[in-house]
Amino acid sequence: MFSLQRDPEFQIMARQFDPLWFCGPGDEAAQRQAMIAEAAYFRAQRRGFEPGHELEDWLAAEQEVYRLVAGAEPGKARG
């Protein structure tokens, strides 16, 4: 029975294949994530970096950035 894992050509391709290449963020996604991180930082700064609000800051920053970038909140149709 033929086994793909034993095929020498498959082994060479498998060593060269980077699975993260397909799921890595593109330039636009990376830029959007940086904008969210910056907005979340400034929210925390305004609050005096009081711990326990990190997720709240991040989610609020996401909403803020999505409104700026897309003109609407995520999940809502533009119109």
C-alpha atoms as a PDB file:
ATOM      1  CA  MET A   1       0.000   0.000   0.000  1.00  0.00           C
ATOM      2  CA  PHE A   2       1.310   3.445  -0.932  1.00  0.00           C
ATOM      3  CA  SER A   3       1.972   5.853   1.938  1.00  0.00           C
ATOM      4  CA  LEU A   4       2.280   9.549   1.204  1.00  0.00           C
ATOM      5  CA  GLN A   5       4.440  10.106   4.294  1.00  0.00           C
ATOM      6  CA  ARG A   6       7.029   7.628   2.966  1.00  0.00           C
ATOM      7  CA  ASP A   7       7.265   9.311  -0.432  1.00  0.00           C
ATOM      8  CA  PRO A   8      10.628  11.181  -0.604  1.00  0.00           C
ATOM      9  CA  GLU A   9       9.124  14.010  -2.665  1.00  0.00           C
ATOM     10  CA  PHE A  10       6.379  14.495  -0.067  1.00  0.00           C
ATOM     11  CA  GLN A  11       8.953  14.606   2.740  1.00  0.00           C
ATOM     12  CA  ILE A  12      10.924  17.351   0.960  1.00  0.00           C
ATOM     13  CA  MET A  13       7.756  19.391   0.346  1.00  0.00           C
ATOM     14  CA  ALA A  14       6.583  18.875   3.931  1.00  0.00           C
ATOM     15  CA  ARG A  15       9.869  20.243   5.286  1.00  0.00           C
ATOM     16  CA  GLN A  16       9.574  23.335   3.074  1.00  0.00           C
ATOM     17  CA  PHE A  17       5.889  23.974   3.775  1.00  0.00           C
ATOM     18  CA  ASP A  18       5.122  26.644   6.357  1.00  0.00           C
ATOM     19  CA  PRO A  19       1.494  26.174   7.480  1.00  0.00           C
ATOM     20  CA  LEU A  20       1.474  29.545   9.229  1.00  0.00           C
ATOM     21  CA  TRP A  21       2.002  31.300   5.899  1.00  0.00           C
ATOM     22  CA  PHE A  22      -1.654  30.663   5.047  1.00  0.00           C
ATOM     23  CA  CYS A  23      -3.131  31.896   8.314  1.00  0.00           C
ATOM     24  CA  GLY A  24      -0.795  34.776   9.108  1.00  0.00           C
ATOM     25  CA  PRO A  25      -2.331  38.239   9.149  1.00  0.00           C
ATOM     26  CA  GLY A  26      -2.034  40.334   6.028  1.00  0.00           C
ATOM     27  CA  ASP A  27      -0.821  43.909   6.091  1.00  0.00           C
ATOM     28  CA  GLU A  28      -4.317  45.300   6.605  1.00  0.00           C
ATOM     29  CA  ALA A  29      -5.093  42.926   9.491  1.00  0.00           C
ATOM     30  CA  ALA A  30      -1.751  43.632  11.157  1.00  0.00           C
ATOM     31  CA  GLN A  31      -2.324  47.377  10.846  1.00  0.00           C
ATOM     32  CA  ARG A  32      -5.837  47.054  12.277  1.00  0.00           C
ATOM     33  CA  GLN A  33      -4.525  45.000  15.219  1.00  0.00           C
ATOM     34  CA  ALA A  34      -1.887  47.659  15.916  1.00  0.00           C
ATOM     35  CA  MET A  35      -4.594  50.341  15.885  1.00  0.00           C
ATOM     36  CA  ILE A  36      -6.685  48.302  18.347  1.00  0.00           C
ATOM     37  CA  ALA A  37      -3.707  47.778  20.641  1.00  0.00           C
ATOM     38  CA  GLU A  38      -2.937  51.499  20.628  1.00  0.00           C
ATOM     39  CA  ALA A  39      -6.557  52.450  21.319  1.00  0.00           C
ATOM     40  CA  ALA A  40      -6.756  49.895  24.160  1.00  0.00           C
ATOM     41  CA  TYR A  41      -3.539  51.293  25.643  1.00  0.00           C
ATOM     42  CA  PHE A  42      -4.900  54.846  25.668  1.00  0.00           C
ATOM     43  CA  ARG A  43      -8.143  53.640  27.264  1.00  0.00           C
ATOM     44  CA  ALA A  44      -6.122  51.968  30.031  1.00  0.00           C
ATOM     45  CA  GLN A  45      -3.962  55.073  30.402  1.00  0.00           C
ATOM     46  CA  ARG A  46      -7.020  57.307  30.882  1.00  0.00           C
ATOM     47  CA  ARG A  47      -8.154  54.945  33.642  1.00  0.00           C
ATOM     48  CA  GLY A  48      -4.731  55.057  35.331  1.00  0.00           C
ATOM     49  CA  PHE A  49      -3.886  51.472  34.265  1.00  0.00           C
ATOM     50  CA  GLU A  50      -6.212  50.047  36.914  1.00  0.00           C
ATOM     51  CA  PRO A  51      -5.944  46.244  36.532  1.00  0.00           C
ATOM     52  CA  GLY A  52      -8.870  44.006  35.673  1.00  0.00           C
ATOM     53  CA  HIS A  53     -10.200  45.935  32.659  1.00  0.00           C
ATOM     54  CA  GLU A  54      -7.893  44.631  29.933  1.00  0.00           C
ATOM     55  CA  LEU A  55     -10.531  42.677  28.019  1.00  0.00           C
ATOM     56  CA  GLU A  56     -13.034  45.499  28.366  1.00  0.00           C
ATOM     57  CA  ASP A  57     -10.446  47.952  26.987  1.00  0.00           C
ATOM     58  CA  TRP A  58      -9.577  45.663  24.083  1.00  0.00           C
ATOM     59  CA  LEU A  59     -13.199  45.032  23.083  1.00  0.00           C
ATOM     60  CA  ALA A  60     -14.089  48.729  23.293  1.00  0.00           C
ATOM     61  CA  ALA A  61     -11.001  49.562  21.227  1.00  0.00           C
ATOM     62  CA  GLU A  62     -12.034  46.982  18.608  1.00  0.00           C
ATOM     63  CA  GLN A  63     -15.431  48.613  18.280  1.00  0.00           C
ATOM     64  CA  GLU A  64     -13.815  52.047  17.997  1.00  0.00           C
ATOM     65  CA  VAL A  65     -11.387  50.922  15.293  1.00  0.00           C
ATOM     66  CA  TYR A  66     -14.056  49.038  13.333  1.00  0.00           C
ATOM     67  CA  ARG A  67     -16.210  52.158  13.315  1.00  0.00           C
ATOM     68  CA  LEU A  68     -13.280  54.223  12.080  1.00  0.00           C
ATOM     69  CA  VAL A  69     -12.135  51.745   9.434  1.00  0.00           C
ATOM     70  CA  ALA A  70     -15.411  50.386   8.151  1.00  0.00           C
ATOM     71  CA  GLY A  71     -17.794  53.182   9.030  1.00  0.00           C
ATOM     72  CA  ALA A  72     -19.952  50.746  11.016  1.00  0.00           C
ATOM     73  CA  GLU A  73     -19.753  48.296  13.884  1.00  0.00           C
ATOM     74  CA  PRO A  74     -18.722  44.739  12.957  1.00  0.00           C
ATOM     75  CA  GLY A  75     -21.637  42.506  12.042  1.00  0.00           C
ATOM     76  CA  LYS A  76     -23.840  45.386  10.934  1.00  0.00           C
ATOM     77  CA  ALA A  77     -24.487  46.166   7.308  1.00  0.00           C
ATOM     78  CA  ARG A  78     -23.206  49.432   5.967  1.00  0.00           C
ATOM     79  CA  GLY A  79     -25.773  51.659   4.508  1.00  0.00           C
END
